[in-house]
């Protein structure tokens, strides 16, 4: 497809429907108009408006379920709950129009209301909003339980307590039904707090509108009961407008453009430092304390056993929540302390690496200059050896092989220095195939000259080629470094064995070089450190600690592997394995 082809524009974020404010305004104005009517007509109009609002909300909730299939079960359950509430309101209006009065409370109409509350609870739990398992779920659950108990505590203090202690007419079942109604509404508020705890952004969306609606419904009943006990409540009381406002809040929920924010992934714990999130855990205890002190000053007779019991329960819940917070704080402190220690160790390691890198850079600069000077001196040695060979060939023919060995050794050393200088400049020649066995065999003469007579050198090479890809000088560097280390490990003499063999590295052929000595060996505690730059066990002036470090780096550059087998008192074996070309 051509780059000039038009691309579909991204979907624009959802916005409030243009008709939403007009619909809400129409319902609200109709409710306000009812205030101008006499109480009887006002109650009929409000019942009809409530029926229309809850039925309209049910239709919008089902429509949103089709738009959000991942949360569709919750939306549909909530829609069924609002349909049940619409049925209760509509049947109440029908009875009121026919008989001029509502059915005696409690009646089967309350069954529709309880069905609506149950479906709402199921809808909230069906939404994918639950927090991750673990301590976060426990903390949020306690916060939700605290909100539920606080709502019920307030309801009991203002409405249920006075109702149960009054001599007003009314059967015990009707009072029990009212208690269950309070508990169901408080449960809805508690579940909402659980779902939105430490994520207040959820309350700016559908969840907040739904909780606001049920909070208004609970407020209406809380204010209605004391007025009824005082004989000041009647059908069509302006307080009934709160039911219409509750329905409008739930009507707005499916129109909200804000999506349902899913819960965090398993194992994740969200922490919100906002004021609502910090205040939520202490709300139960503060509610109990505020009402207890207020009652002690203004109405001590209201502190009945139920209020005191609920207050103790709320205070205990707040104490448990505080203990959980303290436990989390201690755990977090331990985690932070461990992380600080880990970060400190990382910084120390980084600083040590930086210092070693600076030392290596210094050594590299000095080594490059020394290698250049040494190459010039080796050139002089080779030139003098050539002159000696020409002048002494006829006079002392027996010295000719020795002089030829001197020439070859100086030539190999000069080639090694050239390779090292090229690698240091980062401009080395392209690796080329070479026979590892042949190269190690050619180094035999040079190595024997570097070893004391007490050390016996054994070189074993395969009869066939062991071809690897490398620079000859780098192989020489590896062998010389390892042989000199082996020499230092055998101060009283011993056997040094160089063995080249063909091997297999999985399905690929490999060439293996093993360098074994019968020296003092390397303790196990040091075997992991001997390849570190500047680490040495030799006396000052006897070693730099760079030989084995350069060996390890060279093997890595040649895509090989290096292993060590050593035992104190029984010698060491360094095994180098390289990919073989054939």
Protein backbone atom coordinates (compact mmCIF):
# COMPACT_ATOMS: atom_id res chain seq x y z
CA UNK A 1 0.00 0.00 0.00
CA UNK A 2 1.33 3.44 -0.85
CA UNK A 3 2.36 5.74 1.94
CA UNK A 4 0.13 8.39 0.35
CA UNK A 5 -2.98 6.27 0.87
CA UNK A 6 -5.37 7.78 3.42
CA UNK A 7 -5.23 6.23 6.88
CA UNK A 8 -8.32 5.94 9.06
CA UNK A 9 -8.37 8.55 11.76
CA UNK A 10 -8.30 7.31 15.34
CA UNK A 11 -11.63 7.03 17.09
CA UNK A 12 -12.47 10.19 18.97
CA UNK A 13 -13.01 9.84 22.71
CA UNK A 14 -16.61 9.45 23.79
CA UNK A 15 -18.41 12.56 25.01
CA UNK A 16 -21.65 13.26 26.81
CA UNK A 17 -24.66 12.82 24.49
CA UNK A 18 -25.98 16.20 23.38
CA UNK A 19 -29.46 15.25 24.54
CA UNK A 20 -28.30 14.25 28.05
CA UNK A 21 -28.58 17.67 29.76
CA UNK A 22 -31.97 18.33 28.17
CA UNK A 23 -33.37 14.99 29.29
CA UNK A 24 -32.12 15.48 32.86
CA UNK A 25 -33.36 19.07 32.87
CA UNK A 26 -36.81 18.00 31.67
CA UNK A 27 -37.16 15.46 34.46
CA UNK A 28 -35.83 17.91 37.06
CA UNK A 29 -38.13 20.74 35.93
CA UNK A 30 -41.11 18.39 36.01
CA UNK A 31 -40.22 17.45 39.58
CA UNK A 32 -39.85 21.11 40.53
CA UNK A 33 -43.25 21.88 38.98
CA UNK A 34 -44.79 19.29 41.29
CA UNK A 35 -43.98 21.54 44.25
CA UNK A 36 -46.71 23.88 43.04
CA UNK A 37 -49.33 21.11 43.23
CA UNK A 38 -51.19 19.92 46.26
CA UNK A 39 -49.57 16.94 48.07
CA UNK A 40 -51.92 14.35 46.59
CA UNK A 41 -51.31 15.30 42.96
CA UNK A 42 -47.64 15.89 43.72
CA UNK A 43 -47.22 12.30 44.96
CA UNK A 44 -48.91 10.91 41.85
CA UNK A 45 -46.77 13.04 39.55
CA UNK A 46 -43.58 12.09 41.40
CA UNK A 47 -44.44 8.38 41.23
CA UNK A 48 -45.06 8.66 37.48
CA UNK A 49 -41.82 10.62 37.00
CA UNK A 50 -39.88 8.04 39.05
CA UNK A 51 -41.37 5.26 36.95
CA UNK A 52 -40.29 7.00 33.75
CA UNK A 53 -36.80 7.82 35.07
CA UNK A 54 -36.03 4.26 36.28
CA UNK A 55 -37.47 2.69 33.09
CA UNK A 56 -35.42 5.11 30.99
CA UNK A 57 -32.32 4.25 33.06
CA UNK A 58 -32.95 0.53 32.51
CA UNK A 59 -33.06 1.04 28.71
CA UNK A 60 -29.83 3.10 28.75
CA UNK A 61 -28.07 0.50 30.91
CA UNK A 62 -28.91 -2.28 28.46
CA UNK A 63 -27.68 -0.10 25.58
CA UNK A 64 -24.37 0.45 27.36
CA UNK A 65 -24.06 -3.30 27.94
CA UNK A 66 -23.98 -3.74 24.16
CA UNK A 67 -21.24 -1.10 23.83
CA UNK A 68 -19.05 -2.59 26.57
CA UNK A 69 -19.26 -6.39 26.25
CA UNK A 70 -16.42 -6.95 28.75
CA UNK A 71 -18.60 -5.34 31.45
CA UNK A 72 -21.92 -6.29 29.86
CA UNK A 73 -23.01 -8.65 32.66
CA UNK A 74 -22.80 -5.88 35.24
CA UNK A 75 -24.66 -3.37 33.07
CA UNK A 76 -27.45 -5.87 32.33
CA UNK A 77 -27.88 -6.80 36.00
CA UNK A 78 -28.07 -3.13 36.89
CA UNK A 79 -30.61 -2.60 34.11
CA UNK A 80 -32.77 -5.40 35.52
CA UNK A 81 -32.50 -3.79 38.95
CA UNK A 82 -33.71 -0.44 37.62
CA UNK A 83 -36.53 -2.19 35.76
CA UNK A 84 -37.62 -3.77 39.06
CA UNK A 85 -37.55 -0.35 40.72
CA UNK A 86 -39.59 1.12 37.84
CA UNK A 87 -42.16 -1.66 38.32
CA UNK A 88 -42.40 -0.86 42.04
CA UNK A 89 -42.85 2.88 41.37
CA UNK A 90 -45.37 2.29 38.58
CA UNK A 91 -47.48 -0.13 40.56
CA UNK A 92 -47.41 2.28 43.51
CA UNK A 93 -48.68 5.08 41.25
CA UNK A 94 -51.45 2.80 39.93
CA UNK A 95 -52.56 1.93 43.47
CA UNK A 96 -52.38 5.60 44.50
CA UNK A 97 -54.52 6.73 41.56
CA UNK A 98 -57.06 3.99 42.21
CA UNK A 99 -57.35 4.20 45.99
CA UNK A 100 -55.84 7.56 46.87
CA UNK A 101 -53.23 6.02 49.16
CA UNK A 102 -50.08 3.88 49.00
CA UNK A 103 -50.20 0.21 50.02
CA UNK A 104 -49.61 -0.32 53.73
CA UNK A 105 -45.88 -0.69 54.48
CA UNK A 106 -44.51 -3.29 54.21
CA UNK A 107 -46.15 -4.79 51.13
CA UNK A 108 -45.14 -6.92 48.20
CA UNK A 109 -44.03 -3.73 46.45
CA UNK A 110 -41.04 -3.68 48.83
CA UNK A 111 -40.13 -7.03 47.28
CA UNK A 112 -39.42 -5.21 43.99
CA UNK A 113 -37.28 -2.70 45.87
CA UNK A 114 -35.24 -5.43 47.57
CA UNK A 115 -34.90 -7.21 44.23
CA UNK A 116 -33.55 -3.96 42.78
CA UNK A 117 -31.03 -3.66 45.62
CA UNK A 118 -29.90 -7.28 45.23
CA UNK A 119 -29.44 -6.93 41.49
CA UNK A 120 -27.44 -3.75 42.04
CA UNK A 121 -25.09 -5.54 44.45
CA UNK A 122 -24.68 -8.36 41.92
CA UNK A 123 -23.99 -5.81 39.16
CA UNK A 124 -21.22 -4.09 41.11
CA UNK A 125 -19.56 -7.42 41.87
CA UNK A 126 -19.88 -8.52 38.22
CA UNK A 127 -17.92 -5.53 36.94
CA UNK A 128 -14.19 -6.17 36.30
CA UNK A 129 -13.18 -3.68 38.98
CA UNK A 130 -11.99 -5.90 41.82
CA UNK A 131 -8.49 -5.23 43.10
CA UNK A 132 -5.62 -7.67 42.91
CA UNK A 133 -5.51 -10.55 45.34
CA UNK A 134 -3.43 -10.21 48.46
CA UNK A 135 -2.99 -7.49 51.05
CA UNK A 136 -4.38 -4.83 48.70
CA UNK A 137 -7.72 -6.63 48.47
CA UNK A 138 -7.81 -7.02 52.26
CA UNK A 139 -7.16 -3.32 52.82
CA UNK A 140 -9.77 -2.25 50.27
CA UNK A 141 -12.25 -4.73 51.70
CA UNK A 142 -11.82 -3.26 55.18
CA UNK A 143 -12.26 0.24 53.76
CA UNK A 144 -15.50 -0.82 52.06
CA UNK A 145 -16.75 -2.52 55.22
CA UNK A 146 -15.98 0.62 57.17
CA UNK A 147 -18.05 2.76 54.79
CA UNK A 148 -20.96 0.30 54.97
CA UNK A 149 -20.90 0.25 58.78
CA UNK A 150 -20.59 4.03 58.91
CA UNK A 151 -23.67 4.45 56.68
CA UNK A 152 -25.66 1.99 58.80
CA UNK A 153 -24.39 3.67 62.00
CA UNK A 154 -25.66 7.06 60.80
CA UNK A 155 -28.96 5.52 59.72
CA UNK A 156 -29.42 3.87 63.09
CA UNK A 157 -28.49 7.01 65.00
CA UNK A 158 -30.96 9.24 63.15
CA UNK A 159 -33.74 6.88 62.07
CA UNK A 160 -33.67 3.24 63.10
CA UNK A 161 -32.77 3.76 66.75
CA UNK A 162 -35.55 6.30 67.40
CA UNK A 163 -37.98 4.12 65.43
CA UNK A 164 -37.29 1.01 67.54
CA UNK A 165 -37.47 2.93 70.81
CA UNK A 166 -40.63 4.88 69.96
CA UNK A 167 -44.17 3.97 70.84
CA UNK A 168 -45.37 4.91 67.37
CA UNK A 169 -47.69 2.40 65.73
CA UNK A 170 -46.04 -0.11 63.46
CA UNK A 171 -45.39 -3.82 63.49
CA UNK A 172 -42.03 -5.41 64.18
CA UNK A 173 -41.85 -6.87 60.62
CA UNK A 174 -42.16 -3.39 59.14
CA UNK A 175 -39.25 -2.19 61.26
CA UNK A 176 -37.17 -5.24 60.35
CA UNK A 177 -37.86 -4.56 56.68
CA UNK A 178 -36.59 -1.02 57.15
CA UNK A 179 -33.41 -2.32 58.83
CA UNK A 180 -32.82 -4.71 55.92
CA UNK A 181 -33.37 -1.83 53.50
CA UNK A 182 -30.71 0.21 55.33
CA UNK A 183 -28.31 -2.71 55.37
CA UNK A 184 -28.73 -3.30 51.62
CA UNK A 185 -28.10 0.36 50.77
CA UNK A 186 -25.14 0.49 53.13
CA UNK A 187 -23.77 -2.66 51.45
CA UNK A 188 -23.99 -0.96 48.06
CA UNK A 189 -22.07 2.03 49.38
CA UNK A 190 -19.48 -0.27 50.97
CA UNK A 191 -18.95 -2.26 47.76
CA UNK A 192 -18.57 1.01 45.87
CA UNK A 193 -15.95 2.17 48.35
CA UNK A 194 -14.16 -1.17 47.97
CA UNK A 195 -14.12 -0.86 44.17
CA UNK A 196 -12.91 2.74 44.23
CA UNK A 197 -10.59 2.67 47.24
CA UNK A 198 -7.30 4.40 46.39
CA UNK A 199 -8.60 4.93 42.82
CA UNK A 200 -10.82 8.03 43.23
CA UNK A 201 -10.88 8.52 39.45
CA UNK A 202 -13.52 5.78 39.31
CA UNK A 203 -15.92 7.94 41.32
CA UNK A 204 -15.88 10.52 38.50
CA UNK A 205 -17.46 7.94 36.19
CA UNK A 206 -20.46 5.58 36.29
CA UNK A 207 -19.53 4.17 39.70
CA UNK A 208 -19.74 7.58 41.33
CA UNK A 209 -23.15 8.38 39.81
CA UNK A 210 -24.58 5.05 40.96
CA UNK A 211 -23.28 5.45 44.51
CA UNK A 212 -24.60 9.01 44.56
CA UNK A 213 -28.06 7.79 43.59
CA UNK A 214 -28.21 5.16 46.33
CA UNK A 215 -26.74 7.61 48.82
CA UNK A 216 -29.62 10.02 48.06
CA UNK A 217 -32.11 7.18 48.47
CA UNK A 218 -30.62 6.32 51.87
CA UNK A 219 -30.69 9.99 52.87
CA UNK A 220 -34.38 10.25 51.95
CA UNK A 221 -35.34 7.38 54.24
CA UNK A 222 -33.01 8.62 57.01
CA UNK A 223 -34.77 12.00 57.02
CA UNK A 224 -38.26 10.58 56.46
CA UNK A 225 -38.36 8.34 59.55
CA UNK A 226 -37.78 11.11 62.17
CA UNK A 227 -40.36 13.29 60.40
CA UNK A 228 -42.83 10.40 60.47
CA UNK A 229 -42.24 9.89 64.20
CA UNK A 230 -42.95 13.59 64.72
CA UNK A 231 -46.08 13.42 62.57
CA UNK A 232 -44.64 15.89 60.06
CA UNK A 233 -44.33 13.56 57.05
CA UNK A 234 -47.17 13.00 54.59
CA UNK A 235 -47.61 11.71 51.05
CA UNK A 236 -46.27 14.23 48.57
CA UNK A 237 -43.80 15.73 51.03
CA UNK A 238 -41.06 17.76 49.25
CA UNK A 239 -38.58 15.29 50.73
CA UNK A 240 -39.81 12.74 48.16
CA UNK A 241 -38.00 14.73 45.48
CA UNK A 242 -34.83 13.02 46.70
CA UNK A 243 -36.09 9.76 45.18
CA UNK A 244 -36.38 11.50 41.81
CA UNK A 245 -32.88 12.94 42.18
CA UNK A 246 -31.57 9.46 43.05
CA UNK A 247 -33.14 8.08 39.88
CA UNK A 248 -31.62 10.89 37.80
CA UNK A 249 -28.16 10.11 39.21
CA UNK A 250 -28.52 6.48 38.14
CA UNK A 251 -29.91 7.63 34.77
CA UNK A 252 -26.72 9.65 34.20
CA UNK A 253 -24.43 6.66 34.97
CA UNK A 254 -24.80 4.89 31.57
CA UNK A 255 -24.51 8.25 29.78
CA UNK A 256 -21.15 9.01 31.39
CA UNK A 257 -18.39 9.00 28.74
CA UNK A 258 -15.81 7.87 31.27
CA UNK A 259 -15.11 4.13 30.89
CA UNK A 260 -15.01 1.64 33.72
CA UNK A 261 -11.38 1.46 34.82
CA UNK A 262 -10.43 -2.22 35.20
CA UNK A 263 -8.71 -3.48 38.33
CA UNK A 264 -4.92 -3.78 38.48
CA UNK A 265 -3.19 -6.86 37.15
CA UNK A 266 -2.63 -9.76 39.59
CA UNK A 267 0.28 -8.99 41.88
CA UNK A 268 0.04 -5.22 41.33
CA UNK A 269 -0.92 -2.95 44.20
CA UNK A 270 -2.04 0.56 43.37
CA UNK A 271 -1.35 3.31 45.84
CA UNK A 272 -3.01 6.71 45.54
CA UNK A 273 -1.67 9.56 47.73
CA UNK A 274 -4.77 11.74 47.20
CA UNK A 275 -6.78 13.17 50.11
CA UNK A 276 -9.83 10.86 49.59
CA UNK A 277 -7.60 7.79 49.52
CA UNK A 278 -5.82 8.84 52.73
CA UNK A 279 -9.06 9.76 54.51
CA UNK A 280 -11.01 6.61 53.59
CA UNK A 281 -9.28 4.19 56.05
CA UNK A 282 -9.91 6.45 59.06
CA UNK A 283 -13.52 7.29 58.14
CA UNK A 284 -15.13 4.56 60.34
CA UNK A 285 -13.30 5.61 63.49
CA UNK A 286 -13.87 9.34 62.88
CA UNK A 287 -17.59 8.71 62.26
CA UNK A 288 -17.93 6.82 65.54
CA UNK A 289 -15.99 9.44 67.50
CA UNK A 290 -17.88 12.41 66.02
CA UNK A 291 -21.31 10.98 66.77
CA UNK A 292 -20.27 9.74 70.21
CA UNK A 293 -18.98 13.16 71.29
CA UNK A 294 -21.97 14.90 69.70
CA UNK A 295 -24.41 12.62 71.48
CA UNK A 296 -22.63 13.05 74.82
CA UNK A 297 -23.04 16.82 74.56
CA UNK A 298 -26.39 17.20 72.82
CA UNK A 299 -28.39 14.01 73.32
CA UNK A 300 -26.88 11.52 75.78
CA UNK A 301 -30.16 9.58 75.85
CA UNK A 302 -29.50 8.55 72.22
CA UNK A 303 -26.48 6.44 73.24
CA UNK A 304 -28.33 3.15 73.41
CA UNK A 305 -26.71 -0.27 73.38
CA UNK A 306 -26.93 -0.59 69.58
CA UNK A 307 -25.24 2.78 68.99
CA UNK A 308 -22.49 1.97 71.47
CA UNK A 309 -22.00 -1.48 69.94
CA UNK A 310 -21.79 -0.08 66.41
CA UNK A 311 -19.39 2.60 67.62
CA UNK A 312 -17.13 -0.01 69.22
CA UNK A 313 -17.25 -2.06 66.04
CA UNK A 314 -16.30 0.96 63.94
CA UNK A 315 -13.47 1.88 66.31
CA UNK A 316 -12.20 -1.72 66.27
CA UNK A 317 -12.33 -1.73 62.49
CA UNK A 318 -10.32 1.48 62.40
CA UNK A 319 -7.78 -0.03 64.82
CA UNK A 320 -7.45 -3.16 62.65
CA UNK A 321 -6.96 -0.99 59.58
CA UNK A 322 -4.28 0.98 61.41
CA UNK A 323 -2.50 -2.24 62.38
CA UNK A 324 -2.55 -3.36 58.75
CA UNK A 325 -1.14 0.00 57.72
CA UNK A 326 1.62 -0.34 60.33
CA UNK A 327 2.42 -3.86 59.11
CA UNK A 328 2.57 -2.61 55.52
CA UNK A 329 4.79 0.27 56.61
CA UNK A 330 7.19 -2.09 58.35
CA UNK A 331 7.25 -4.38 55.32
CA UNK A 332 7.82 -1.43 53.01
CA UNK A 333 10.59 -0.16 55.28
CA UNK A 334 12.33 -3.55 55.10
CA UNK A 335 11.98 -3.61 51.31
CA UNK A 336 13.34 -0.07 51.00
CA UNK A 337 16.26 -0.90 53.28
CA UNK A 338 17.09 -3.98 51.19
CA UNK A 339 16.88 -1.93 48.00
CA UNK A 340 19.11 0.79 49.44
CA UNK A 341 21.69 -1.84 50.36
CA UNK A 342 21.43 -3.39 46.91
CA UNK A 343 21.76 0.00 45.25
CA UNK A 344 24.75 0.81 47.46
CA UNK A 345 26.43 -2.44 46.44
CA UNK A 346 25.69 -1.67 42.80
CA UNK A 347 27.21 1.81 43.14
CA UNK A 348 30.26 0.40 44.87
CA UNK A 349 30.66 -2.20 42.13
CA UNK A 350 30.24 0.48 39.47
CA UNK A 351 32.81 2.68 41.18
CA UNK A 352 35.22 -0.24 41.43
CA UNK A 353 34.67 -1.02 37.75
CA UNK A 354 35.29 2.61 36.87
CA UNK A 355 38.56 2.65 38.81
CA UNK A 356 39.69 -0.60 37.19
CA UNK A 357 38.74 0.75 33.78
CA UNK A 358 40.83 3.86 34.37
CA UNK A 359 43.75 1.68 35.44
CA UNK A 360 43.30 -0.49 32.35
CA UNK A 361 43.24 2.59 30.14
CA UNK A 362 46.44 3.80 31.75
CA UNK A 363 48.05 0.40 31.31
CA UNK A 364 46.86 0.31 27.70
CA UNK A 365 48.43 3.66 26.92
CA UNK A 366 51.70 2.71 28.62
CA UNK A 367 51.61 -0.76 27.05
CA UNK A 368 51.13 0.65 23.58
CA UNK A 369 54.19 2.86 23.97
CA UNK A 370 56.26 0.02 25.45
CA UNK A 371 55.11 -2.38 22.72
CA UNK A 372 56.17 0.12 20.05
CA UNK A 373 59.59 0.55 21.63
CA UNK A 374 59.93 -3.20 22.16
CA UNK A 375 59.07 -3.82 18.50
CA UNK A 376 61.90 -1.54 17.49
CA UNK A 377 64.30 -3.33 19.82
CA UNK A 378 63.20 -6.71 18.47
CA UNK A 379 63.86 -5.38 14.98
CA UNK A 380 67.42 -4.57 16.06
CA UNK A 381 67.81 -8.07 17.59
CA UNK A 382 66.59 -9.72 14.40
CA UNK A 383 68.88 -7.55 12.25
CA UNK A 384 71.89 -8.40 14.43
CA UNK A 385 70.95 -12.09 14.32
CA UNK A 386 70.85 -11.93 10.51
CA UNK A 387 74.28 -10.29 10.46
CA UNK A 388 75.67 -12.93 12.83
CA UNK A 389 74.23 -15.67 10.64
CA UNK A 390 75.95 -14.26 7.55
CA UNK A 391 79.37 -13.74 9.21
CA UNK A 392 79.48 -16.94 11.29
CA UNK A 393 77.97 -19.32 8.78
CA UNK A 394 81.34 -20.23 7.32
CA UNK A 395 83.38 -19.83 10.51
CA UNK A 396 81.13 -21.57 13.08
CA UNK A 397 78.57 -23.69 11.20
CA UNK A 398 77.43 -25.31 14.46
CA UNK A 399 76.01 -21.98 15.68
CA UNK A 400 73.78 -21.56 12.66
CA UNK A 401 70.74 -23.49 14.07
CA UNK A 402 70.90 -21.49 17.30
CA UNK A 403 71.00 -18.22 15.40
CA UNK A 404 68.11 -19.36 13.19
CA UNK A 405 66.11 -20.10 16.37
CA UNK A 406 66.89 -16.61 17.63
CA UNK A 407 65.68 -15.10 14.35
CA UNK A 408 62.45 -17.13 14.44
CA UNK A 409 61.74 -16.20 18.08
CA UNK A 410 62.32 -12.50 17.43
CA UNK A 411 60.14 -12.66 14.31
CA UNK A 412 57.29 -14.34 16.25
CA UNK A 413 57.59 -11.83 19.09
CA UNK A 414 57.52 -8.94 16.62
CA UNK A 415 54.44 -10.41 14.90
CA UNK A 416 52.72 -10.77 18.30
CA UNK A 417 53.42 -7.14 19.14
CA UNK A 418 52.04 -6.01 15.79
CA UNK A 419 48.84 -7.95 16.44
CA UNK A 420 48.51 -6.48 19.91
CA UNK A 421 48.99 -2.95 18.61
CA UNK A 422 46.41 -3.52 15.87
CA UNK A 423 43.86 -4.83 18.41
CA UNK A 424 44.50 -1.90 20.72
CA UNK A 425 43.84 0.52 17.86
CA UNK A 426 40.65 -1.37 17.00
CA UNK A 427 41.88 -1.83 13.44
CA UNK A 428 43.14 -5.39 13.49
CA UNK A 429 43.27 -7.41 10.34
CA UNK A 430 40.44 -9.75 9.41
CA UNK A 431 40.72 -13.12 11.20
CA UNK A 432 41.89 -15.89 8.90
CA UNK A 433 41.85 -19.68 9.08
CA UNK A 434 44.78 -21.18 10.94
CA UNK A 435 45.75 -24.63 12.18
CA UNK A 436 45.70 -24.48 16.00
CA UNK A 437 47.77 -27.65 16.38
CA UNK A 438 50.43 -26.47 13.94
CA UNK A 439 50.63 -23.06 15.62
CA UNK A 440 51.03 -24.52 19.11
CA UNK A 441 53.67 -26.93 17.76
CA UNK A 442 55.68 -24.05 16.28
CA UNK A 443 55.69 -22.31 19.67
CA UNK A 444 57.45 -25.28 21.28
CA UNK A 445 60.99 -23.93 20.76
CA UNK A 446 60.12 -20.49 22.12
CA UNK A 447 58.30 -21.94 25.14
CA UNK A 448 61.15 -24.32 26.06
CA UNK A 449 63.51 -21.35 26.12
CA UNK A 450 61.23 -19.59 28.62
CA UNK A 451 61.00 -22.56 31.00
CA UNK A 452 63.58 -23.64 33.60
CA UNK A 453 65.22 -27.07 33.17
CA UNK A 454 63.22 -28.50 36.09
CA UNK A 455 59.99 -28.21 34.08
CA UNK A 456 59.34 -30.81 31.41
CA UNK A 457 57.34 -29.53 28.44
CA UNK A 458 55.09 -31.99 26.58
CA UNK A 459 53.31 -30.82 23.39
CA UNK A 460 50.63 -33.05 21.90
CA UNK A 461 49.00 -32.06 18.60
CA UNK A 462 46.60 -34.05 16.42
CA UNK A 463 47.76 -35.73 13.25
CA UNK A 464 45.09 -33.91 11.25
CA UNK A 465 44.32 -30.17 11.00
CA UNK A 466 42.39 -28.33 13.71
CA UNK A 467 41.38 -25.19 11.81
CA UNK A 468 40.00 -22.17 13.69
CA UNK A 469 39.54 -18.55 12.67
CA UNK A 470 41.91 -16.20 14.47
CA UNK A 471 45.04 -14.05 14.34
CA UNK A 472 48.19 -16.10 14.90
CA UNK A 473 49.51 -13.49 17.30
CA UNK A 474 46.46 -13.73 19.53
CA UNK A 475 46.84 -17.50 19.85
CA UNK A 476 50.49 -16.94 20.75
CA UNK A 477 49.40 -14.46 23.41
CA UNK A 478 47.00 -16.99 24.93
CA UNK A 479 49.55 -19.80 25.03
CA UNK A 480 52.42 -17.67 26.36
CA UNK A 481 50.29 -16.17 29.16
CA UNK A 482 49.00 -19.55 30.31
CA UNK A 483 52.42 -21.21 30.06
CA UNK A 484 54.08 -18.46 32.11
CA UNK A 485 51.38 -18.78 34.78
CA UNK A 486 51.92 -22.53 34.85
CA UNK A 487 55.67 -21.98 35.19
CA UNK A 488 55.13 -19.72 38.22
CA UNK A 489 52.86 -22.38 39.74
CA UNK A 490 55.69 -24.97 39.64
CA UNK A 491 58.63 -23.38 41.51
CA UNK A 492 60.10 -26.84 42.23
CA UNK A 493 59.58 -28.13 38.72
CA UNK A 494 57.05 -30.51 37.23
CA UNK A 495 55.38 -31.34 33.95
CA UNK A 496 53.68 -28.84 31.68
CA UNK A 497 51.47 -30.39 29.02
CA UNK A 498 49.97 -28.66 25.96
CA UNK A 499 47.38 -30.76 24.18
CA UNK A 500 45.45 -29.83 21.04
CA UNK A 501 42.56 -32.09 20.03
CA UNK A 502 39.42 -32.07 17.95
CA UNK A 503 36.18 -32.08 19.96
CA UNK A 504 32.49 -31.42 19.54
CA UNK A 505 30.46 -28.52 20.90
CA UNK A 506 26.94 -29.84 20.56
CA UNK A 507 26.40 -30.47 16.85
CA UNK A 508 29.29 -28.25 15.82
CA UNK A 509 32.98 -29.27 15.57
CA UNK A 510 35.42 -27.57 17.92
CA UNK A 511 39.15 -27.36 18.49
CA UNK A 512 40.31 -27.76 22.08
CA UNK A 513 43.52 -26.55 23.67
CA UNK A 514 44.28 -27.84 27.17
CA UNK A 515 47.22 -26.52 29.21
CA UNK A 516 47.92 -28.60 32.33
CA UNK A 517 50.52 -28.27 35.06
CA UNK A 518 51.42 -30.22 38.16
CA UNK A 519 51.88 -27.13 40.31
CA UNK A 520 50.39 -25.86 43.56
CA UNK A 521 46.86 -25.49 42.21
CA UNK A 522 44.29 -22.75 42.86
CA UNK A 523 42.00 -22.69 45.92
CA UNK A 524 38.31 -22.88 45.08
CA UNK A 525 37.60 -19.50 46.70
CA UNK A 526 40.00 -17.81 44.24
CA UNK A 527 38.92 -19.62 41.08
CA UNK A 528 36.11 -17.14 40.46
CA UNK A 529 38.41 -14.12 40.77
CA UNK A 530 41.59 -15.05 38.94
CA UNK A 531 40.22 -13.67 35.65
CA UNK A 532 39.53 -10.24 37.18
CA UNK A 533 41.91 -7.47 36.07
CA UNK A 534 44.70 -6.72 38.58
CA UNK A 535 43.83 -9.69 40.78
CA UNK A 536 47.01 -11.63 41.60
CA UNK A 537 48.33 -13.84 44.36
CA UNK A 538 51.95 -13.19 43.45
CA UNK A 539 54.29 -11.06 45.51
CA UNK A 540 54.62 -7.36 44.61
CA UNK A 541 56.76 -6.93 41.56
CA UNK A 542 56.15 -10.53 40.39
CA UNK A 543 52.81 -10.07 38.61
CA UNK A 544 50.35 -7.44 37.39
CA UNK A 545 47.14 -9.46 37.48
CA UNK A 546 46.48 -8.76 33.79
CA UNK A 547 47.62 -12.02 32.17
CA UNK A 548 44.59 -14.20 32.86
CA UNK A 549 42.25 -11.22 32.39
CA UNK A 550 43.61 -10.72 28.88
CA UNK A 551 43.32 -14.48 28.23
CA UNK A 552 39.62 -14.44 29.18
CA UNK A 553 38.94 -11.40 26.99
CA UNK A 554 40.79 -12.88 24.01
CA UNK A 555 38.89 -16.17 24.26
CA UNK A 556 35.63 -14.22 24.30
CA UNK A 557 36.69 -12.19 21.26
CA UNK A 558 37.39 -15.44 19.39
CA UNK A 559 33.90 -16.78 20.30
CA UNK A 560 35.43 -19.51 22.42
CA UNK A 561 34.97 -20.79 25.95
CA UNK A 562 37.41 -21.05 28.84
CA UNK A 563 37.13 -23.45 31.76
CA UNK A 564 39.34 -24.22 34.73
CA UNK A 565 39.80 -27.41 36.73
CA UNK A 566 42.13 -27.10 39.69
CA UNK A 567 42.79 -28.68 43.05
CA UNK A 568 45.30 -27.37 45.61
CA UNK A 569 48.47 -29.45 45.53
CA UNK A 570 47.51 -31.35 42.37
CA UNK A 571 47.86 -28.76 39.63
CA UNK A 572 45.54 -26.94 37.24
CA UNK A 573 44.12 -27.42 33.76
CA UNK A 574 42.93 -24.54 31.59
CA UNK A 575 40.76 -25.75 28.71
CA UNK A 576 40.13 -23.44 25.74
CA UNK A 577 37.56 -24.46 23.16
CA UNK A 578 37.05 -22.65 19.81
CA UNK A 579 34.63 -23.23 16.93
CA UNK A 580 36.40 -25.33 14.30
CA UNK A 581 36.02 -24.73 10.58
CA UNK A 582 36.60 -28.39 9.85
